[in-house]
C-alpha atoms as a PDB file:
ATOM      1  CA  MET A   1       9.421 -41.516 -10.991  1.00  0.00           C
ATOM      2  CA  GLU A   2      12.794 -41.274 -12.730  1.00  0.00           C
ATOM      3  CA  HIS A   3      13.547 -42.546 -16.236  1.00  0.00           C
ATOM      4  CA  LYS A   4      16.978 -42.922 -17.849  1.00  0.00           C
ATOM      5  CA  LEU A   5      16.547 -42.732 -21.637  1.00  0.00           C
ATOM      6  CA  LYS A   6      18.859 -42.892 -24.641  1.00  0.00           C
ATOM      7  CA  THR A   7      18.552 -39.864 -26.911  1.00  0.00           C
ATOM      8  CA  TRP A   8      20.136 -39.746 -30.360  1.00  0.00           C
ATOM      9  CA  SER A   9      22.757 -37.019 -30.768  1.00  0.00           C
ATOM     10  CA  ALA A  10      20.763 -34.936 -33.272  1.00  0.00           C
ATOM     11  CA  HIS A  11      17.823 -34.711 -30.863  1.00  0.00           C
ATOM     12  CA  PHE A  12      19.952 -34.417 -27.725  1.00  0.00           C
ATOM     13  CA  GLU A  13      21.583 -31.198 -28.918  1.00  0.00           C
ATOM     14  CA  ALA A  14      18.188 -29.552 -29.507  1.00  0.00           C
ATOM     15  CA  VAL A  15      17.053 -30.536 -26.008  1.00  0.00           C
ATOM     16  CA  ASP A  16      20.340 -29.407 -24.488  1.00  0.00           C
ATOM     17  CA  ILE A  17      20.037 -25.884 -25.911  1.00  0.00           C
ATOM     18  CA  ARG A  18      16.309 -25.842 -25.034  1.00  0.00           C
ATOM     19  CA  LEU A  19      15.193 -25.618 -28.656  1.00  0.00           C
ATOM     20  CA  LYS A  20      13.212 -28.880 -28.327  1.00  0.00           C
ATOM     21  CA  ASN A  21      10.827 -28.972 -25.359  1.00  0.00           C
ATOM     22  CA  PHE A  22       9.046 -32.244 -26.059  1.00  0.00           C
ATOM     23  CA  GLU A  23       9.707 -35.967 -26.253  1.00  0.00           C
ATOM     24  CA  ILE A  24       7.757 -38.573 -28.180  1.00  0.00           C
ATOM     25  CA  ARG A  25       8.283 -42.011 -26.707  1.00  0.00           C
ATOM     26  CA  PHE A  26       6.775 -45.464 -26.639  1.00  0.00           C
ATOM     27  CA  ASP A  27       4.814 -45.525 -23.389  1.00  0.00           C
ATOM     28  CA  ASP A  28       6.340 -48.643 -21.878  1.00  0.00           C
ATOM     29  CA  ARG A  29       7.117 -46.779 -18.640  1.00  0.00           C
ATOM     30  CA  ASP A  30       3.753 -45.168 -17.810  1.00  0.00           C
ATOM     31  CA  PHE A  31       5.125 -41.625 -18.127  1.00  0.00           C
ATOM     32  CA  ARG A  32       3.361 -39.063 -15.933  1.00  0.00           C
ATOM     33  CA  PRO A  33       3.623 -35.329 -15.175  1.00  0.00           C
ATOM     34  CA  GLN A  34       6.396 -34.516 -12.679  1.00  0.00           C
ATOM     35  CA  ASP A  35       8.461 -37.568 -13.734  1.00  0.00           C
ATOM     36  CA  THR A  36      12.172 -36.833 -14.159  1.00  0.00           C
ATOM     37  CA  LEU A  37      13.855 -37.744 -17.441  1.00  0.00           C
ATOM     38  CA  PHE A  38      17.594 -38.349 -17.546  1.00  0.00           C
ATOM     39  CA  LEU A  39      18.247 -37.981 -21.273  1.00  0.00           C
ATOM     40  CA  CYS A  40      21.591 -39.552 -22.157  1.00  0.00           C
ATOM     41  CA  GLU A  41      23.159 -38.717 -25.509  1.00  0.00           C
ATOM     42  CA  TRP A  42      23.488 -41.845 -27.670  1.00  0.00           C
ATOM     43  CA  ASP A  43      25.438 -42.155 -30.917  1.00  0.00           C
ATOM     44  CA  PRO A  44      23.429 -44.547 -33.119  1.00  0.00           C
ATOM     45  CA  GLU A  45      26.338 -45.036 -35.540  1.00  0.00           C
ATOM     46  CA  THR A  46      28.739 -46.332 -32.900  1.00  0.00           C
ATOM     47  CA  GLU A  47      25.964 -47.594 -30.592  1.00  0.00           C
ATOM     48  CA  THR A  48      27.648 -45.975 -27.604  1.00  0.00           C
ATOM     49  CA  SER A  49      26.907 -43.308 -25.040  1.00  0.00           C
ATOM     50  CA  THR A  50      28.763 -40.017 -25.418  1.00  0.00           C
ATOM     51  CA  GLY A  51      28.644 -39.434 -21.666  1.00  0.00           C
ATOM     52  CA  ARG A  52      26.546 -36.277 -21.988  1.00  0.00           C
ATOM     53  CA  MET A  53      23.235 -36.061 -20.110  1.00  0.00           C
ATOM     54  CA  VAL A  54      20.486 -33.509 -19.481  1.00  0.00           C
ATOM     55  CA  VAL A  55      17.748 -33.690 -16.881  1.00  0.00           C
ATOM     56  CA  ARG A  56      14.217 -32.571 -17.659  1.00  0.00           C
ATOM     57  CA  THR A  57      10.856 -32.721 -15.872  1.00  0.00           C
ATOM     58  CA  VAL A  58       7.714 -33.964 -17.607  1.00  0.00           C
ATOM     59  CA  MET A  59       5.145 -31.158 -17.454  1.00  0.00           C
ATOM     60  CA  ALA A  60       2.335 -32.830 -19.414  1.00  0.00           C
ATOM     61  CA  VAL A  61       1.669 -36.132 -21.171  1.00  0.00           C
ATOM     62  CA  PHE A  62      -0.500 -36.328 -24.300  1.00  0.00           C
ATOM     63  CA  VAL A  63      -1.994 -39.514 -25.790  1.00  0.00           C
ATOM     64  CA  ASP A  64      -4.224 -40.179 -28.782  1.00  0.00           C
ATOM     65  CA  LEU A  65      -2.976 -37.159 -30.736  1.00  0.00           C
ATOM     66  CA  PRO A  66      -3.594 -37.134 -34.493  1.00  0.00           C
ATOM     67  CA  GLY A  67      -0.556 -38.719 -36.176  1.00  0.00           C
ATOM     68  CA  LEU A  68       0.771 -40.263 -32.955  1.00  0.00           C
ATOM     69  CA  LYS A  69       1.246 -44.025 -33.249  1.00  0.00           C
ATOM     70  CA  ASP A  70      -0.697 -46.294 -30.895  1.00  0.00           C
ATOM     71  CA  GLY A  71       1.173 -46.881 -27.664  1.00  0.00           C
ATOM     72  CA  TYR A  72       3.188 -43.650 -27.927  1.00  0.00           C
ATOM     73  CA  VAL A  73       2.960 -40.443 -25.905  1.00  0.00           C
ATOM     74  CA  ALA A  74       4.063 -36.875 -26.487  1.00  0.00           C
ATOM     75  CA  MET A  75       5.487 -35.168 -23.409  1.00  0.00           C
ATOM     76  CA  GLU A  76       6.108 -31.502 -22.721  1.00  0.00           C
ATOM     77  CA  ILE A  77       9.467 -31.248 -20.931  1.00  0.00           C
ATOM     78  CA  ARG A  78      11.189 -28.405 -19.042  1.00  0.00           C
END
């Protein structure tokens, strides 16, 4: 499955340079391994897209981790 997601600029840059290899998201899309994430850079101050995008694959999905809010998942991305 493919998911197009807004990603705040501060986090987008870390994903873009491969420093950040995870996403924590509300699981309203039933994320699964091998899903494709289209992460679109979003400027929260102007509430607009910057036009930049990276594509990542979900390698693993983790639920019920200590400190993770109910309904959220942590995903390893590559």
